[in-house]
């Protein structure tokens, strides 16, 4: 999915008078172009393991160990 095609992902907060329940924790959304500004892949280290996240020519993401 291209950044332009993502749509509006903004969230509105209800006013205090609408709900006394705590707000749900929203997911952090990071465009792939922010993670890999100079190419189509990044390397991610997690618990001592290396993973490769790359974007294909069709715009899909592939995560490999």
PDB file of N, CA and C in Angstrom:
ATOM      1  N   UNK A   1       0.851  -1.165   0.000  1.00  0.00           N
ATOM      2  CA  UNK A   1       0.000   0.000   0.000  1.00  0.00           C
ATOM      3  C   UNK A   1       0.898   1.229   0.000  1.00  0.00           C
ATOM      4  N   UNK A   2       0.680   2.125  -0.920  1.00  0.00           N
ATOM      5  CA  UNK A   2       1.442   3.355  -0.968  1.00  0.00           C
ATOM      6  C   UNK A   2       0.967   4.300   0.111  1.00  0.00           C
ATOM      7  N   UNK A   3       1.864   5.212   0.540  1.00  0.00           N
ATOM      8  CA  UNK A   3       1.490   6.179   1.556  1.00  0.00           C
ATOM      9  C   UNK A   3       0.291   7.005   1.111  1.00  0.00           C
ATOM     10  N   UNK A   4       0.213   7.297  -0.190  1.00  0.00           N
ATOM     11  CA  UNK A   4      -0.880   8.116  -0.705  1.00  0.00           C
ATOM     12  C   UNK A   4      -2.211   7.389  -0.615  1.00  0.00           C
ATOM     13  N   UNK A   5      -2.183   6.050  -0.657  1.00  0.00           N
ATOM     14  CA  UNK A   5      -3.408   5.268  -0.664  1.00  0.00           C
ATOM     15  C   UNK A   5      -3.830   4.802   0.724  1.00  0.00           C
ATOM     16  N   UNK A   6      -3.100   5.200   1.757  1.00  0.00           N
ATOM     17  CA  UNK A   6      -3.368   4.725   3.101  1.00  0.00           C
ATOM     18  C   UNK A   6      -4.678   5.234   3.653  1.00  0.00           C
ATOM     19  N   UNK A   7      -5.100   6.386   3.253  1.00  0.00           N
ATOM     20  CA  UNK A   7      -6.315   6.971   3.804  1.00  0.00           C
ATOM     21  C   UNK A   7      -6.016   7.735   5.071  1.00  0.00           C
ATOM     22  N   UNK A   8      -7.028   8.344   5.629  1.00  0.00           N
ATOM     23  CA  UNK A   8      -6.867   9.138   6.841  1.00  0.00           C
ATOM     24  C   UNK A   8      -6.883   8.218   8.045  1.00  0.00           C
ATOM     25  N   UNK A   9      -5.775   8.150   8.778  1.00  0.00           N
ATOM     26  CA  UNK A   9      -5.675   7.264   9.926  1.00  0.00           C
ATOM     27  C   UNK A   9      -5.639   8.043  11.231  1.00  0.00           C
ATOM     28  N   UNK A  10      -6.150   9.267  11.205  1.00  0.00           N
ATOM     29  CA  UNK A  10      -6.159  10.053  12.429  1.00  0.00           C
ATOM     30  C   UNK A  10      -7.274   9.562  13.335  1.00  0.00           C
ATOM     31  N   UNK A  11      -7.077   9.752  14.613  1.00  0.00           N
ATOM     32  CA  UNK A  11      -8.060   9.311  15.597  1.00  0.00           C
ATOM     33  C   UNK A  11      -8.525  10.520  16.385  1.00  0.00           C
ATOM     34  N   UNK A  12      -9.817  10.573  16.662  1.00  0.00           N
ATOM     35  CA  UNK A  12     -10.335  11.680  17.464  1.00  0.00           C
ATOM     36  C   UNK A  12     -10.552  11.189  18.888  1.00  0.00           C
ATOM     37  N   UNK A  13     -10.328  12.064  19.839  1.00  0.00           N
ATOM     38  CA  UNK A  13     -10.526  11.730  21.238  1.00  0.00           C
ATOM     39  C   UNK A  13     -11.877  12.250  21.688  1.00  0.00           C
ATOM     40  N   UNK A  14     -12.692  11.402  22.348  1.00  0.00           N
ATOM     41  CA  UNK A  14     -13.976  11.891  22.849  1.00  0.00           C
ATOM     42  C   UNK A  14     -13.738  12.878  23.986  1.00  0.00           C
ATOM     43  N   UNK A  15     -14.683  13.779  24.175  1.00  0.00           N
ATOM     44  CA  UNK A  15     -14.549  14.738  25.265  1.00  0.00           C
ATOM     45  C   UNK A  15     -14.736  14.022  26.593  1.00  0.00           C
ATOM     46  N   UNK A  16     -14.275  14.633  27.670  1.00  0.00           N
ATOM     47  CA  UNK A  16     -14.362  14.012  28.993  1.00  0.00           C
ATOM     48  C   UNK A  16     -15.803  13.720  29.387  1.00  0.00           C
ATOM     49  N   UNK A  17     -16.731  14.518  28.914  1.00  0.00           N
ATOM     50  CA  UNK A  17     -18.124  14.315  29.293  1.00  0.00           C
ATOM     51  C   UNK A  17     -18.741  13.098  28.609  1.00  0.00           C
ATOM     52  N   UNK A  18     -18.159  12.646  27.491  1.00  0.00           N
ATOM     53  CA  UNK A  18     -18.717  11.518  26.759  1.00  0.00           C
ATOM     54  C   UNK A  18     -18.412  10.182  27.416  1.00  0.00           C
ATOM     55  N   UNK A  19     -17.226  10.030  28.005  1.00  0.00           N
ATOM     56  CA  UNK A  19     -16.840   8.734  28.543  1.00  0.00           C
ATOM     57  C   UNK A  19     -15.869   8.912  29.697  1.00  0.00           C
ATOM     58  N   UNK A  20     -16.107   8.137  30.759  1.00  0.00           N
ATOM     59  CA  UNK A  20     -15.208   8.173  31.901  1.00  0.00           C
ATOM     60  C   UNK A  20     -14.165   7.065  31.799  1.00  0.00           C
ATOM     61  N   UNK A  21     -14.309   6.131  30.828  1.00  0.00           N
ATOM     62  CA  UNK A  21     -13.366   5.030  30.655  1.00  0.00           C
ATOM     63  C   UNK A  21     -12.057   5.556  30.078  1.00  0.00           C
ATOM     64  N   UNK A  22     -10.921   4.933  30.445  1.00  0.00           N
ATOM     65  CA  UNK A  22      -9.633   5.370  29.884  1.00  0.00           C
ATOM     66  C   UNK A  22      -9.598   5.112  28.382  1.00  0.00           C
ATOM     67  N   UNK A  23      -8.887   5.954  27.671  1.00  0.00           N
ATOM     68  CA  UNK A  23      -8.783   5.819  26.217  1.00  0.00           C
ATOM     69  C   UNK A  23      -7.990   4.567  25.876  1.00  0.00           C
ATOM     70  N   UNK A  24      -8.413   3.881  24.827  1.00  0.00           N
ATOM     71  CA  UNK A  24      -7.691   2.697  24.369  1.00  0.00           C
ATOM     72  C   UNK A  24      -6.351   3.132  23.784  1.00  0.00           C
ATOM     73  N   UNK A  25      -5.328   2.324  23.986  1.00  0.00           N
ATOM     74  CA  UNK A  25      -4.018   2.637  23.445  1.00  0.00           C
ATOM     75  C   UNK A  25      -4.049   2.393  21.937  1.00  0.00           C
ATOM     76  N   UNK A  26      -3.738   3.418  21.168  1.00  0.00           N
ATOM     77  CA  UNK A  26      -3.778   3.326  19.719  1.00  0.00           C
ATOM     78  C   UNK A  26      -2.469   2.763  19.190  1.00  0.00           C
ATOM     79  N   UNK A  27      -2.516   1.995  18.095  1.00  0.00           N
ATOM     80  CA  UNK A  27      -1.275   1.452  17.531  1.00  0.00           C
ATOM     81  C   UNK A  27      -0.434   2.559  16.917  1.00  0.00           C
ATOM     82  N   UNK A  28       0.876   2.380  16.959  1.00  0.00           N
ATOM     83  CA  UNK A  28       1.780   3.336  16.320  1.00  0.00           C
ATOM     84  C   UNK A  28       1.881   2.959  14.849  1.00  0.00           C
ATOM     85  N   UNK A  29       1.560   3.885  13.956  1.00  0.00           N
ATOM     86  CA  UNK A  29       1.578   3.638  12.519  1.00  0.00           C
ATOM     87  C   UNK A  29       2.771   4.382  11.928  1.00  0.00           C
ATOM     88  N   UNK A  30       3.683   3.614  11.311  1.00  0.00           N
ATOM     89  CA  UNK A  30       4.883   4.181  10.723  1.00  0.00           C
ATOM     90  C   UNK A  30       4.925   3.780   9.250  1.00  0.00           C
ATOM     91  N   UNK A  31       4.915   4.732   8.337  1.00  0.00           N
ATOM     92  CA  UNK A  31       5.017   4.382   6.915  1.00  0.00           C
ATOM     93  C   UNK A  31       6.355   3.696   6.619  1.00  0.00           C
ATOM     94  N   UNK A  32       6.346   2.711   5.730  1.00  0.00           N
ATOM     95  CA  UNK A  32       7.577   2.007   5.392  1.00  0.00           C
ATOM     96  C   UNK A  32       8.617   2.978   4.848  1.00  0.00           C
ATOM     97  N   UNK A  33       8.189   3.985   4.118  1.00  0.00           N
ATOM     98  CA  UNK A  33       9.129   4.959   3.560  1.00  0.00           C
ATOM     99  C   UNK A  33       9.883   5.711   4.658  1.00  0.00           C
ATOM    100  N   UNK A  34       9.305   5.803   5.853  1.00  0.00           N
ATOM    101  CA  UNK A  34       9.994   6.417   6.983  1.00  0.00           C
ATOM    102  C   UNK A  34      11.056   5.468   7.535  1.00  0.00           C
ATOM    103  N   UNK A  35      10.760   4.178   7.543  1.00  0.00           N
ATOM    104  CA  UNK A  35      11.716   3.189   8.036  1.00  0.00           C
ATOM    105  C   UNK A  35      12.889   2.996   7.074  1.00  0.00           C
ATOM    106  N   UNK A  36      12.615   3.025   5.789  1.00  0.00           N
ATOM    107  CA  UNK A  36      13.641   2.768   4.775  1.00  0.00           C
ATOM    108  C   UNK A  36      13.657   3.903   3.752  1.00  0.00           C
ATOM    109  N   UNK A  37      14.116   5.095   4.147  1.00  0.00           N
ATOM    110  CA  UNK A  37      14.058   6.244   3.234  1.00  0.00           C
ATOM    111  C   UNK A  37      14.981   6.125   2.027  1.00  0.00           C
ATOM    112  N   UNK A  38      15.986   5.263   2.090  1.00  0.00           N
ATOM    113  CA  UNK A  38      16.961   5.167   0.996  1.00  0.00           C
ATOM    114  C   UNK A  38      16.864   3.868   0.213  1.00  0.00           C
ATOM    115  N   UNK A  39      15.809   3.123   0.389  1.00  0.00           N
ATOM    116  CA  UNK A  39      15.724   1.861  -0.337  1.00  0.00           C
ATOM    117  C   UNK A  39      14.475   1.089  -0.007  1.00  0.00           C
ATOM    118  N   UNK A  40      14.535  -0.197  -0.336  1.00  0.00           N
ATOM    119  CA  UNK A  40      13.372  -1.058  -0.170  1.00  0.00           C
ATOM    120  C   UNK A  40      13.573  -2.143   0.871  1.00  0.00           C
ATOM    121  N   UNK A  41      14.590  -1.989   1.743  1.00  0.00           N
ATOM    122  CA  UNK A  41      14.765  -2.986   2.789  1.00  0.00           C
ATOM    123  C   UNK A  41      15.403  -2.382   4.025  1.00  0.00           C
ATOM    124  N   UNK A  42      15.094  -3.027   5.154  1.00  0.00           N
ATOM    125  CA  UNK A  42      15.734  -2.680   6.416  1.00  0.00           C
ATOM    126  C   UNK A  42      16.061  -3.983   7.133  1.00  0.00           C
ATOM    127  N   UNK A  43      17.018  -3.915   8.046  1.00  0.00           N
ATOM    128  CA  UNK A  43      17.367  -5.047   8.888  1.00  0.00           C
ATOM    129  C   UNK A  43      16.927  -4.714  10.291  1.00  0.00           C
ATOM    130  N   UNK A  44      16.274  -5.670  10.946  1.00  0.00           N
ATOM    131  CA  UNK A  44      15.735  -5.467  12.285  1.00  0.00           C
ATOM    132  C   UNK A  44      16.382  -6.484  13.216  1.00  0.00           C
ATOM    133  N   UNK A  45      16.902  -6.020  14.352  1.00  0.00           N
ATOM    134  CA  UNK A  45      17.453  -6.916  15.362  1.00  0.00           C
ATOM    135  C   UNK A  45      16.432  -7.036  16.473  1.00  0.00           C
ATOM    136  N   UNK A  46      16.125  -8.283  16.855  1.00  0.00           N
ATOM    137  CA  UNK A  46      15.188  -8.545  17.943  1.00  0.00           C
ATOM    138  C   UNK A  46      15.701  -9.736  18.748  1.00  0.00           C
ATOM    139  N   UNK A  47      15.997  -9.505  20.015  1.00  0.00           N
ATOM    140  CA  UNK A  47      16.499 -10.566  20.896  1.00  0.00           C
ATOM    141  C   UNK A  47      17.684 -11.316  20.302  1.00  0.00           C
ATOM    142  N   UNK A  48      18.610 -10.581  19.696  1.00  0.00           N
ATOM    143  CA  UNK A  48      19.815 -11.198  19.144  1.00  0.00           C
ATOM    144  C   UNK A  48      19.634 -11.831  17.773  1.00  0.00           C
ATOM    145  N   UNK A  49      18.433 -11.803  17.229  1.00  0.00           N
ATOM    146  CA  UNK A  49      18.159 -12.372  15.913  1.00  0.00           C
ATOM    147  C   UNK A  49      18.027 -11.245  14.892  1.00  0.00           C
ATOM    148  N   UNK A  50      18.532 -11.464  13.676  1.00  0.00           N
ATOM    149  CA  UNK A  50      18.403 -10.479  12.605  1.00  0.00           C
ATOM    150  C   UNK A  50      17.294 -10.880  11.652  1.00  0.00           C
ATOM    151  N   UNK A  51      16.474  -9.912  11.283  1.00  0.00           N
ATOM    152  CA  UNK A  51      15.380 -10.107  10.341  1.00  0.00           C
ATOM    153  C   UNK A  51      15.514  -9.075   9.235  1.00  0.00           C
ATOM    154  N   UNK A  52      15.160  -9.467   8.022  1.00  0.00           N
ATOM    155  CA  UNK A  52      15.173  -8.563   6.868  1.00  0.00           C
ATOM    156  C   UNK A  52      13.728  -8.278   6.473  1.00  0.00           C
ATOM    157  N   UNK A  53      13.384  -7.006   6.427  1.00  0.00           N
ATOM    158  CA  UNK A  53      12.056  -6.585   5.972  1.00  0.00           C
ATOM    159  C   UNK A  53      12.252  -5.843   4.662  1.00  0.00           C
ATOM    160  N   UNK A  54      11.662  -6.372   3.609  1.00  0.00           N
ATOM    161  CA  UNK A  54      11.829  -5.716   2.309  1.00  0.00           C
ATOM    162  C   UNK A  54      10.491  -5.531   1.609  1.00  0.00           C
ATOM    163  N   UNK A  55      10.457  -4.511   0.754  1.00  0.00           N
ATOM    164  CA  UNK A  55       9.268  -4.213  -0.044  1.00  0.00           C
ATOM    165  C   UNK A  55       9.515  -4.741  -1.447  1.00  0.00           C
ATOM    166  N   UNK A  56       8.564  -5.509  -1.967  1.00  0.00           N
ATOM    167  CA  UNK A  56       8.694  -6.071  -3.305  1.00  0.00           C
ATOM    168  C   UNK A  56       8.330  -5.014  -4.350  1.00  0.00           C
ATOM    169  N   UNK A  57       8.581  -5.352  -5.601  1.00  0.00           N
ATOM    170  CA  UNK A  57       8.235  -4.438  -6.694  1.00  0.00           C
ATOM    171  C   UNK A  57       6.720  -4.248  -6.807  1.00  0.00           C
ATOM    172  N   UNK A  58       5.947  -5.163  -6.211  1.00  0.00           N
ATOM    173  CA  UNK A  58       4.487  -5.041  -6.215  1.00  0.00           C
ATOM    174  C   UNK A  58       3.970  -4.324  -4.970  1.00  0.00           C
ATOM    175  N   UNK A  59       4.896  -3.859  -4.093  1.00  0.00           N
ATOM    176  CA  UNK A  59       4.505  -3.097  -2.922  1.00  0.00           C
ATOM    177  C   UNK A  59       4.166  -3.929  -1.697  1.00  0.00           C
ATOM    178  N   UNK A  60       4.401  -5.248  -1.754  1.00  0.00           N
ATOM    179  CA  UNK A  60       4.134  -6.107  -0.609  1.00  0.00           C
ATOM    180  C   UNK A  60       5.379  -6.164   0.271  1.00  0.00           C
ATOM    181  N   UNK A  61       5.175  -6.485   1.554  1.00  0.00           N
ATOM    182  CA  UNK A  61       6.294  -6.604   2.486  1.00  0.00           C
ATOM    183  C   UNK A  61       6.581  -8.060   2.780  1.00  0.00           C
ATOM    184  N   UNK A  62       7.886  -8.403   2.827  1.00  0.00           N
ATOM    185  CA  UNK A  62       8.316  -9.757   3.149  1.00  0.00           C
ATOM    186  C   UNK A  62       9.312  -9.664   4.297  1.00  0.00           C
ATOM    187  N   UNK A  63       9.035 -10.406   5.369  1.00  0.00           N
ATOM    188  CA  UNK A  63       9.911 -10.467   6.532  1.00  0.00           C
ATOM    189  C   UNK A  63      10.561 -11.848   6.544  1.00  0.00           C
ATOM    190  N   UNK A  64      11.909 -11.873   6.486  1.00  0.00           N
ATOM    191  CA  UNK A  64      12.632 -13.152   6.519  1.00  0.00           C
ATOM    192  C   UNK A  64      13.656 -13.127   7.637  1.00  0.00           C
ATOM    193  N   UNK A  65      13.967 -14.314   8.129  1.00  0.00           N
ATOM    194  CA  UNK A  65      14.933 -14.459   9.209  1.00  0.00           C
ATOM    195  C   UNK A  65      16.289 -14.754   8.631  1.00  0.00           C
TER     196      UNK A  65
END
